[in-house]
Amino acid sequence: MEQLNQLVESFLSHYKQKRVFFNELARLAAKQCEKALKSDGIKAIVTYRAKTSERLKEKIIQRCKEKRYQNEEAISKDIIDLSGVRIALYYPADRMRVSQLIEKNFKIIKDKKFPNEVKLVNNRFDGYHADHYRVEIRSDTLEENKEYSDHIVEIQVASVLMHAWSEVNHDLGYKQFNGELSQQEKSILDVLNGLVLVGEGLLEQLQTAFQNRVSYQKQPFINQYELAAYLFERIKKIKDIDKGIEPLMEKVDELFDLLQDTEWNNANGLDQLLNEKLNGNIINFPICEQILDIIFEKNINQFDKYYSLFDDDQTYKNICKDIVKKRLLFKRYITCIAYYKNYNTNHILKQVKQLQGLPGSLHFISSVYHWILDNNIYSDYYNVINDLDTVKGDFNLILTKIKNFKDPDSKKALEWAKSGQLKLPEKV
C-alpha cells in the first residue's frame, strides 16, 4: 500500500507541472466546439478543464485495484482524459447533430454512448445519457500551437439537466472517500435520474414547439438560433436529403448577419429564396453555404455586404468575389446539363455521377465538381487566396474543355450558366 501511495504521489507531482499544458489543450478544443456550435445554430454551454489533482487521485485509487499499476507510464496509458470539454445542450435531441460536428472538426480516437446495456440492479431508471468522445485536435485547424495536435481530449455531450445530475451522482458515488451510500441515498439519486429523463422529454417537446413557431411566424428572425430552427425543419422536408443524415448548417451566424434588413429574413421570404434549389449533398455543401450561393446567384453584389462583415483587405475581397462567380458558373452548368439529360435530382454529387456515366462523354465533369470543392472560399478562404494563380489556371483549363465539348446540351448549359437567368431554360 505504501508503494502504491508513493507511486500515486509521484505521478501527481509530475502532473501538476504539466497541468497548464493540459488546461490550454482543453481550452483550444473548447474554442473549436463553441465556434462549430455557434456556426450550426445549436444552443449549448461549453466548459473545459484540466483534471484537478484531487479528482485524478480519486480516479487512480478507484482503478488501481483492477489495473495494478506498476509505474507512472502504466497510469499515463490508462488515464488519458486529463483534458476535458463538456458540451451541455439545451435540447437533448441535438446530440446527433453535435456528433456530426465533432466528427467534422476533430480526429475521433474513440467514442462511447451511454447508457450501456448493463442496468444497475434495483434502479428504476437507466442512469446517465450522454456521448463521450476521445479526440485529437487536427493540426490543420490550429493556426499556431501545433504541439497540441497529438494529445487526447475527452468531449462529453449531454443535456444541461443530465450534466447536473451526473455531477451530483459522481461526487456522492466515490465510496472510498464518502463512505458507502445508504439505500435511501441510492433511491433518491435514482428518482432524480427519472426526473431528469422526464425533463429531457419536456425539453424535446419545447424544441419542437419552438421549431414549429419559427416555421410559421411572419416576423423577422431575431437571432441565428431561430434561423437555424427554421432551416432545420425546412431541410428535413426536402426528400433528396439522404435518410439518417442530419442537416449540416454551418455559417448560420454569418448568414443571419447577411439577411438583416432584407426581405428574406423571415420564414416566408427565406422559403421563397430556397425554392427547391438546395441539393442533398449537405456534407460537401452545408446548408448555409448553399443559401449564400443562391443569394449571390440572384445578386452578386450581395457578396460585398457579406464580406463587409469581415475585416479583410479589399483586394482579397475582390479576388474572393471573382472566385465565387466562377464557382457559381460551374455549379449552374452542372445543374443545367443534368436537367437537359433528365436527371431529376437536386443532389449535385448524384448529378456528377450520372453525367460521368454517359458513354464517351463528360468524363471531365469530375474535374468540374472537384474544382468547386477545392475552391470553397467559405471554409478555405486563405488557401484559395494564396494559390490564386493555380485557381485561375485550373478554371481556364476546365472552361476550355467545356467550350470544346461537342455535346449540344453542354453548349446550351454553358450559355444558360453564363446568362445569369435564374429559371432553367425550356427543353427543346
Protein backbone atom coordinates (compact mmCIF):
# COMPACT_ATOMS: atom_id res chain seq x y z
CA MET A 1 0.00 0.00 0.00
CA GLU A 2 2.82 2.34 0.85
CA GLN A 3 4.47 1.62 -2.50
CA LEU A 4 1.21 2.47 -4.28
CA ASN A 5 0.87 5.74 -2.36
CA GLN A 6 4.40 6.71 -3.34
CA LEU A 7 3.65 5.91 -6.99
CA VAL A 8 0.45 7.97 -6.93
CA GLU A 9 2.10 10.94 -5.25
CA SER A 10 4.99 10.84 -7.71
CA PHE A 11 2.60 10.76 -10.68
CA LEU A 12 0.55 13.64 -9.25
CA SER A 13 3.68 15.68 -8.66
CA HIS A 14 4.69 15.33 -12.31
CA TYR A 15 1.13 16.00 -13.45
CA LYS A 16 0.98 19.30 -11.54
CA GLN A 17 3.97 20.50 -13.57
CA LYS A 18 2.12 19.70 -16.83
CA ARG A 19 -1.36 20.82 -15.82
CA VAL A 20 -1.02 24.22 -17.56
CA PHE A 21 -0.40 22.39 -20.85
CA PHE A 22 -3.47 20.15 -20.42
CA ASN A 23 -5.64 23.13 -19.49
CA GLU A 24 -4.57 25.01 -22.63
CA LEU A 25 -5.26 21.89 -24.71
CA ALA A 26 -8.79 21.76 -23.28
CA ARG A 27 -9.27 25.49 -23.93
CA LEU A 28 -8.31 25.16 -27.59
CA ALA A 29 -10.69 22.21 -28.06
CA ALA A 30 -13.50 24.07 -26.28
CA LYS A 31 -12.92 27.11 -28.51
CA GLN A 32 -13.36 24.97 -31.61
CA CYS A 33 -16.50 23.39 -30.15
CA GLU A 34 -18.02 26.79 -29.36
CA LYS A 35 -17.28 28.05 -32.86
CA ALA A 36 -18.82 24.96 -34.51
CA LEU A 37 -21.93 25.05 -32.29
CA LYS A 38 -22.50 28.76 -32.91
CA SER A 39 -21.98 28.30 -36.65
CA ASP A 40 -24.54 25.46 -36.70
CA GLY A 41 -27.08 27.33 -34.52
CA ILE A 42 -27.01 24.84 -31.63
CA LYS A 43 -27.68 26.21 -28.14
CA ALA A 44 -25.24 24.85 -25.58
CA ILE A 45 -22.96 25.77 -22.70
CA VAL A 46 -19.33 24.78 -23.31
CA THR A 47 -16.90 24.42 -20.42
CA TYR A 48 -13.43 22.95 -20.20
CA ARG A 49 -10.91 21.87 -17.60
CA ALA A 50 -7.71 20.02 -16.94
CA LYS A 51 -8.37 17.33 -14.36
CA THR A 52 -7.70 18.53 -10.81
CA SER A 53 -5.16 16.66 -8.75
CA GLU A 54 -7.90 15.69 -6.29
CA ARG A 55 -10.14 14.19 -9.00
CA LEU A 56 -7.17 12.49 -10.61
CA LYS A 57 -6.14 10.94 -7.32
CA GLU A 58 -9.69 9.64 -6.79
CA LYS A 59 -9.71 8.03 -10.22
CA ILE A 60 -6.28 6.42 -9.85
CA ILE A 61 -7.17 4.88 -6.48
CA GLN A 62 -10.55 3.74 -7.82
CA ARG A 63 -8.92 1.95 -10.76
CA CYS A 64 -5.72 0.67 -9.18
CA LYS A 65 -7.30 -2.49 -7.72
CA GLU A 66 -8.20 -3.66 -11.21
CA LYS A 67 -5.23 -2.24 -13.12
CA ARG A 68 -2.49 -2.90 -10.53
CA TYR A 69 -0.27 -0.07 -11.75
CA GLN A 70 3.45 -0.84 -11.56
CA ASN A 71 4.80 2.52 -12.74
CA GLU A 72 3.80 6.02 -13.84
CA GLU A 73 3.81 5.05 -17.50
CA ALA A 74 1.07 2.50 -16.83
CA ILE A 75 -1.06 5.19 -15.21
CA SER A 76 -0.50 7.57 -18.14
CA LYS A 77 -1.57 4.94 -20.66
CA ASP A 78 -4.70 4.07 -18.69
CA ILE A 79 -5.93 7.53 -17.65
CA ILE A 80 -5.85 9.72 -20.73
CA ASP A 81 -8.80 12.07 -20.10
CA LEU A 82 -6.60 14.71 -18.47
CA SER A 83 -8.06 17.42 -20.72
CA GLY A 84 -11.83 17.61 -20.89
CA VAL A 85 -14.56 19.59 -22.62
CA ARG A 86 -18.19 19.47 -21.59
CA ILE A 87 -20.99 20.42 -24.00
CA ALA A 88 -24.23 20.95 -22.08
CA LEU A 89 -27.07 21.04 -24.61
CA TYR A 90 -30.27 23.00 -24.14
CA TYR A 91 -32.02 20.39 -26.28
CA PRO A 92 -31.05 16.69 -25.85
CA ALA A 93 -32.17 15.85 -29.40
CA ASP A 94 -29.21 17.85 -30.74
CA ARG A 95 -26.79 15.10 -29.68
CA MET A 96 -26.74 13.61 -33.21
CA ARG A 97 -26.03 16.98 -34.79
CA VAL A 98 -23.19 17.56 -32.34
CA SER A 99 -21.83 14.11 -33.17
CA GLN A 100 -21.51 15.13 -36.82
CA LEU A 101 -19.82 18.39 -35.87
CA ILE A 102 -17.27 16.60 -33.69
CA GLU A 103 -16.56 14.13 -36.47
CA LYS A 104 -16.08 17.01 -38.91
CA ASN A 105 -13.86 19.15 -36.68
CA PHE A 106 -11.77 16.62 -34.76
CA LYS A 107 -9.98 13.32 -35.23
CA ILE A 108 -12.05 10.83 -33.23
CA ILE A 109 -9.95 8.18 -31.49
CA LYS A 110 -12.80 6.50 -29.61
CA ASP A 111 -16.44 7.20 -28.81
CA LYS A 112 -18.84 5.73 -26.27
CA LYS A 113 -22.60 6.06 -25.93
CA PHE A 114 -24.45 5.98 -22.61
CA PRO A 115 -26.44 4.25 -21.23
CA ASN A 116 -24.72 0.97 -21.96
CA GLU A 117 -26.62 -2.30 -21.93
CA VAL A 118 -25.86 -3.00 -18.25
CA LYS A 119 -28.58 -1.64 -15.97
CA LEU A 120 -27.87 -1.05 -12.31
CA VAL A 121 -29.62 -3.51 -10.02
CA ASN A 122 -32.65 -2.14 -8.13
CA ASN A 123 -32.69 1.06 -10.22
CA ARG A 124 -35.92 2.01 -11.91
CA PHE A 125 -34.21 4.28 -14.40
CA ASP A 126 -31.27 3.67 -16.69
CA GLY A 127 -28.92 6.37 -15.45
CA TYR A 128 -26.56 8.52 -17.46
CA HIS A 129 -27.49 9.52 -21.03
CA ALA A 130 -24.59 11.06 -22.92
CA ASP A 131 -21.99 10.69 -25.66
CA HIS A 132 -18.28 10.69 -24.86
CA TYR A 133 -15.56 11.23 -27.46
CA ARG A 134 -11.82 10.89 -27.15
CA VAL A 135 -10.45 13.14 -29.85
CA GLU A 136 -7.34 14.87 -31.10
CA ILE A 137 -7.31 18.41 -32.48
CA ARG A 138 -6.42 18.28 -36.17
CA SER A 139 -3.20 20.16 -36.84
CA ASP A 140 -4.68 21.89 -39.91
CA THR A 141 -7.23 23.62 -37.65
CA LEU A 142 -4.55 25.14 -35.43
CA GLU A 143 -3.11 28.40 -36.74
CA GLU A 144 -0.40 28.19 -34.09
CA ASN A 145 0.36 25.86 -31.18
CA LYS A 146 0.77 22.81 -33.42
CA GLU A 147 2.21 20.92 -30.44
CA TYR A 148 -1.34 20.46 -29.11
CA SER A 149 -2.50 18.37 -32.09
CA ASP A 150 -1.30 14.93 -30.93
CA HIS A 151 -2.90 14.82 -27.48
CA ILE A 152 -6.18 13.35 -26.30
CA VAL A 153 -9.13 15.48 -25.21
CA GLU A 154 -12.34 13.96 -23.87
CA ILE A 155 -15.52 15.70 -25.04
CA GLN A 156 -18.68 14.89 -23.07
CA VAL A 157 -22.02 15.72 -24.69
CA ALA A 158 -25.27 15.63 -22.69
CA SER A 159 -28.18 17.86 -21.76
CA VAL A 160 -27.76 20.57 -19.15
CA LEU A 161 -30.02 18.55 -16.84
CA MET A 162 -28.09 15.32 -17.30
CA HIS A 163 -24.75 17.00 -16.65
CA ALA A 164 -26.08 18.41 -13.38
CA TRP A 165 -27.37 15.00 -12.22
CA SER A 166 -24.14 13.32 -13.27
CA GLU A 167 -22.09 15.78 -11.22
CA VAL A 168 -24.11 15.09 -8.08
CA ASN A 169 -24.10 11.34 -8.67
CA HIS A 170 -20.35 11.33 -9.32
CA ASP A 171 -19.39 13.29 -6.22
CA LEU A 172 -21.56 11.21 -3.89
CA GLY A 173 -20.59 7.94 -5.53
CA TYR A 174 -16.93 7.75 -4.50
CA LYS A 175 -17.42 5.45 -1.52
CA GLN A 176 -13.69 5.37 -0.82
CA PHE A 177 -13.92 8.94 0.44
CA ASN A 178 -17.54 9.48 1.40
CA GLY A 179 -18.47 6.10 2.79
CA GLU A 180 -20.92 3.59 1.37
CA LEU A 181 -24.15 5.24 0.17
CA SER A 182 -27.26 4.21 2.04
CA GLN A 183 -30.13 2.59 0.19
CA GLN A 184 -32.18 5.74 0.73
CA GLU A 185 -29.48 7.87 -0.92
CA LYS A 186 -29.29 5.49 -3.87
CA SER A 187 -33.07 5.55 -4.25
CA ILE A 188 -33.14 9.36 -4.18
CA LEU A 189 -30.44 9.55 -6.87
CA ASP A 190 -32.40 7.05 -8.94
CA VAL A 191 -35.61 9.08 -8.67
CA LEU A 192 -33.69 12.26 -9.51
CA ASN A 193 -32.45 10.48 -12.61
CA GLY A 194 -36.06 9.75 -13.52
CA LEU A 195 -36.97 13.41 -13.09
CA VAL A 196 -34.05 14.39 -15.32
CA LEU A 197 -35.23 11.98 -18.03
CA VAL A 198 -38.73 13.47 -17.79
CA GLY A 199 -37.16 16.92 -18.00
CA GLU A 200 -35.28 15.91 -21.14
CA GLY A 201 -38.55 14.76 -22.67
CA LEU A 202 -40.08 18.15 -21.92
CA LEU A 203 -37.05 19.92 -23.41
CA GLU A 204 -37.52 17.92 -26.62
CA GLN A 205 -41.19 18.98 -26.72
CA LEU A 206 -40.09 22.58 -26.10
CA GLN A 207 -37.67 22.35 -29.01
CA THR A 208 -40.41 21.03 -31.30
CA ALA A 209 -42.76 23.83 -30.22
CA PHE A 210 -40.00 26.37 -30.85
CA GLN A 211 -39.27 24.98 -34.33
CA ASN A 212 -42.98 24.94 -35.23
CA ARG A 213 -43.45 28.53 -34.10
CA VAL A 214 -40.45 29.76 -36.07
CA SER A 215 -41.50 27.83 -39.18
CA TYR A 216 -44.81 29.70 -39.46
CA GLN A 217 -44.12 33.11 -37.97
CA LYS A 218 -44.05 36.12 -40.28
CA GLN A 219 -41.82 38.22 -38.05
CA PRO A 220 -38.09 38.52 -38.81
CA PHE A 221 -35.74 36.00 -37.24
CA ILE A 222 -34.32 37.64 -34.11
CA ASN A 223 -31.13 35.55 -33.88
CA GLN A 224 -29.21 32.74 -35.55
CA TYR A 225 -30.94 30.15 -33.35
CA GLU A 226 -34.36 30.98 -34.79
CA LEU A 227 -32.87 30.92 -38.27
CA ALA A 228 -31.25 27.53 -37.62
CA ALA A 229 -34.51 26.12 -36.21
CA TYR A 230 -36.40 27.16 -39.32
CA LEU A 231 -33.76 25.79 -41.69
CA PHE A 232 -33.52 22.50 -39.79
CA GLU A 233 -37.25 21.86 -40.13
CA ARG A 234 -37.32 23.08 -43.73
CA ILE A 235 -34.42 20.93 -44.86
CA LYS A 236 -35.82 17.77 -43.28
CA LYS A 237 -38.79 18.09 -45.63
CA ILE A 238 -36.60 18.04 -48.74
CA LYS A 239 -36.81 14.46 -49.98
CA ASP A 240 -33.39 14.47 -51.65
CA ILE A 241 -31.62 14.58 -48.27
CA ASP A 242 -30.27 11.10 -47.56
CA LYS A 243 -32.09 9.32 -44.74
CA GLY A 244 -30.23 9.12 -41.44
CA ILE A 245 -28.13 12.23 -42.16
CA GLU A 246 -28.70 15.29 -40.02
CA PRO A 247 -28.60 18.56 -41.98
CA LEU A 248 -25.32 20.45 -41.53
CA MET A 249 -25.91 24.17 -41.15
CA GLU A 250 -22.52 25.89 -40.75
CA LYS A 251 -22.15 29.66 -41.15
CA VAL A 252 -25.70 30.18 -39.81
CA ASP A 253 -24.45 33.11 -37.72
CA GLU A 254 -22.86 34.72 -40.80
CA LEU A 255 -25.96 34.06 -42.91
CA PHE A 256 -28.13 35.66 -40.23
CA ASP A 257 -25.97 38.80 -40.31
CA LEU A 258 -26.27 38.94 -44.10
CA LEU A 259 -30.07 38.54 -44.03
CA GLN A 260 -30.56 41.52 -41.74
CA ASP A 261 -32.65 44.27 -43.35
CA THR A 262 -33.58 42.07 -46.33
CA GLU A 263 -36.92 40.64 -47.42
CA TRP A 264 -35.55 37.14 -46.80
CA ASN A 265 -35.20 37.48 -43.02
CA ASN A 266 -38.38 35.56 -42.17
CA ALA A 267 -39.86 32.13 -42.85
CA ASN A 268 -41.88 33.16 -45.93
CA GLY A 269 -39.08 35.18 -47.50
CA LEU A 270 -36.44 32.53 -46.97
CA ASP A 271 -38.78 29.80 -48.20
CA GLN A 272 -39.26 31.70 -51.47
CA LEU A 273 -35.49 32.14 -51.70
CA LEU A 274 -34.82 28.44 -51.34
CA ASN A 275 -37.44 27.40 -53.89
CA GLU A 276 -36.20 23.80 -54.18
CA LYS A 277 -32.69 24.91 -55.22
CA LEU A 278 -30.92 23.23 -52.30
CA ASN A 279 -29.22 19.96 -53.16
CA GLY A 280 -28.90 16.91 -50.94
CA ASN A 281 -25.11 16.91 -50.70
CA ILE A 282 -25.02 18.59 -47.30
CA ILE A 283 -21.66 17.13 -46.32
CA ASN A 284 -19.62 18.90 -49.01
CA PHE A 285 -22.11 21.76 -49.36
CA PRO A 286 -23.57 22.62 -45.93
CA ILE A 287 -26.99 24.29 -45.98
CA CYS A 288 -25.96 27.87 -45.24
CA GLU A 289 -23.18 27.77 -47.82
CA GLN A 290 -25.75 26.69 -50.42
CA ILE A 291 -28.04 29.53 -49.39
CA LEU A 292 -25.18 32.01 -49.69
CA ASP A 293 -24.60 30.73 -53.24
CA ILE A 294 -28.31 31.19 -54.03
CA ILE A 295 -28.19 34.77 -52.74
CA PHE A 296 -25.05 35.56 -54.73
CA GLU A 297 -26.58 33.94 -57.81
CA LYS A 298 -29.55 36.27 -57.53
CA ASN A 299 -27.37 39.31 -56.91
CA ILE A 300 -23.58 39.00 -56.81
CA ASN A 301 -23.38 42.45 -55.20
CA GLN A 302 -24.73 40.86 -52.02
CA PHE A 303 -21.25 39.37 -51.76
CA ASP A 304 -19.92 42.82 -50.89
CA LYS A 305 -22.33 43.04 -47.97
CA TYR A 306 -21.39 39.55 -46.83
CA TYR A 307 -17.68 40.29 -46.80
CA SER A 308 -18.18 43.67 -45.17
CA LEU A 309 -18.78 41.55 -42.05
CA PHE A 310 -15.09 40.58 -42.07
CA ASP A 311 -12.06 42.75 -41.53
CA ASP A 312 -10.14 41.81 -44.67
CA ASP A 313 -8.26 43.74 -47.32
CA GLN A 314 -10.47 44.96 -50.19
CA THR A 315 -8.15 43.32 -52.73
CA TYR A 316 -8.73 39.94 -51.10
CA LYS A 317 -12.47 40.55 -51.11
CA ASN A 318 -12.44 41.32 -54.83
CA ILE A 319 -10.47 38.16 -55.54
CA CYS A 320 -12.91 36.08 -53.49
CA LYS A 321 -15.86 37.66 -55.28
CA ASP A 322 -14.35 36.63 -58.61
CA ILE A 323 -13.83 33.05 -57.38
CA VAL A 324 -17.43 32.90 -56.12
CA LYS A 325 -18.67 33.92 -59.58
CA LYS A 326 -16.59 31.14 -61.16
CA ARG A 327 -17.88 28.56 -58.67
CA LEU A 328 -21.44 29.60 -59.40
CA LEU A 329 -20.83 29.31 -63.13
CA PHE A 330 -19.68 25.70 -62.79
CA LYS A 331 -22.48 24.76 -60.37
CA ARG A 332 -25.06 26.27 -62.71
CA TYR A 333 -23.52 24.40 -65.64
CA ILE A 334 -23.73 21.03 -63.84
CA THR A 335 -27.32 21.71 -62.74
CA CYS A 336 -28.44 22.70 -66.24
CA ILE A 337 -26.83 19.85 -68.16
CA ALA A 338 -28.21 17.33 -65.66
CA TYR A 339 -31.63 18.93 -66.24
CA TYR A 340 -31.21 18.54 -70.01
CA LYS A 341 -30.30 14.88 -69.54
CA ASN A 342 -33.47 14.36 -67.42
CA TYR A 343 -31.58 13.52 -64.22
CA ASN A 344 -34.24 14.58 -61.74
CA THR A 345 -32.20 15.11 -58.60
CA ASN A 346 -31.04 18.18 -56.72
CA HIS A 347 -28.06 16.26 -55.31
CA ILE A 348 -25.02 17.64 -57.16
CA LEU A 349 -22.85 14.61 -56.41
CA LYS A 350 -25.51 12.29 -57.88
CA GLN A 351 -25.74 14.58 -60.91
CA VAL A 352 -21.98 14.29 -61.39
CA LYS A 353 -22.02 10.51 -61.13
CA GLN A 354 -24.88 10.24 -63.63
CA LEU A 355 -23.18 12.60 -66.07
CA GLN A 356 -19.95 10.62 -65.86
CA GLY A 357 -21.93 7.54 -66.84
CA LEU A 358 -22.71 8.85 -70.33
CA PRO A 359 -20.76 6.77 -72.89
CA GLY A 360 -17.72 8.60 -74.26
CA SER A 361 -18.70 11.95 -72.85
CA LEU A 362 -18.24 14.33 -69.94
CA HIS A 363 -15.51 12.37 -68.17
CA PHE A 364 -14.06 15.73 -67.20
CA ILE A 365 -17.19 16.55 -65.18
CA SER A 366 -15.40 15.13 -62.15
CA SER A 367 -12.76 17.84 -62.60
CA VAL A 368 -15.50 20.47 -62.61
CA TYR A 369 -17.01 19.11 -59.41
CA HIS A 370 -13.69 18.89 -57.60
CA TRP A 371 -12.79 22.41 -58.72
CA ILE A 372 -15.93 23.61 -56.95
CA LEU A 373 -14.99 21.68 -53.79
CA ASP A 374 -11.35 22.75 -53.82
CA ASN A 375 -12.24 26.40 -54.24
CA ASN A 376 -14.82 26.76 -51.50
CA ILE A 377 -13.83 30.11 -50.02
CA TYR A 378 -16.36 29.78 -47.20
CA SER A 379 -14.22 27.19 -45.46
CA ASP A 380 -10.83 27.58 -47.16
CA TYR A 381 -10.57 31.32 -47.71
CA TYR A 382 -6.84 31.90 -47.30
CA ASN A 383 -5.72 28.72 -49.09
CA VAL A 384 -7.64 29.88 -52.17
CA ILE A 385 -6.12 33.36 -51.97
CA ASN A 386 -2.58 32.07 -51.57
CA ASP A 387 -2.92 29.78 -54.58
CA LEU A 388 -4.67 32.25 -56.86
CA ASP A 389 -2.60 31.60 -59.99
CA THR A 390 -3.38 27.87 -59.82
CA VAL A 391 -7.09 28.65 -59.32
CA LYS A 392 -7.17 30.86 -62.42
CA GLY A 393 -5.23 28.31 -64.48
CA ASP A 394 -7.50 25.41 -63.47
CA PHE A 395 -10.62 27.47 -64.18
CA ASN A 396 -9.45 28.45 -67.67
CA LEU A 397 -8.42 24.87 -68.47
CA ILE A 398 -11.80 23.41 -67.45
CA LEU A 399 -13.72 26.18 -69.18
CA THR A 400 -11.79 25.48 -72.41
CA LYS A 401 -12.70 21.78 -72.18
CA ILE A 402 -16.37 22.65 -71.70
CA LYS A 403 -16.34 25.03 -74.68
CA ASN A 404 -14.72 22.37 -76.91
CA PHE A 405 -17.12 19.63 -75.87
CA LYS A 406 -19.38 18.74 -78.83
CA ASP A 407 -22.45 17.66 -76.90
CA PRO A 408 -25.19 20.22 -77.83
CA ASP A 409 -26.70 20.03 -74.33
CA SER A 410 -23.33 21.04 -72.89
CA LYS A 411 -23.18 24.11 -75.10
CA LYS A 412 -26.72 25.17 -74.16
CA ALA A 413 -25.97 24.54 -70.47
CA LEU A 414 -22.89 26.75 -70.62
CA GLU A 415 -24.87 29.52 -72.35
CA TRP A 416 -27.51 29.41 -69.63
CA ALA A 417 -24.88 29.31 -66.86
CA LYS A 418 -23.33 32.50 -68.26
CA SER A 419 -26.68 34.23 -68.81
CA GLY A 420 -27.37 34.87 -65.14
CA GLN A 421 -31.01 33.82 -65.54
CA LEU A 422 -32.43 32.05 -62.51
CA LYS A 423 -35.13 29.97 -64.18
CA LEU A 424 -33.92 26.89 -66.02
CA PRO A 425 -34.49 27.13 -69.80
CA GLU A 426 -37.16 25.11 -71.54
CA LYS A 427 -36.00 21.85 -73.08
CA VAL A 428 -36.03 21.71 -76.88
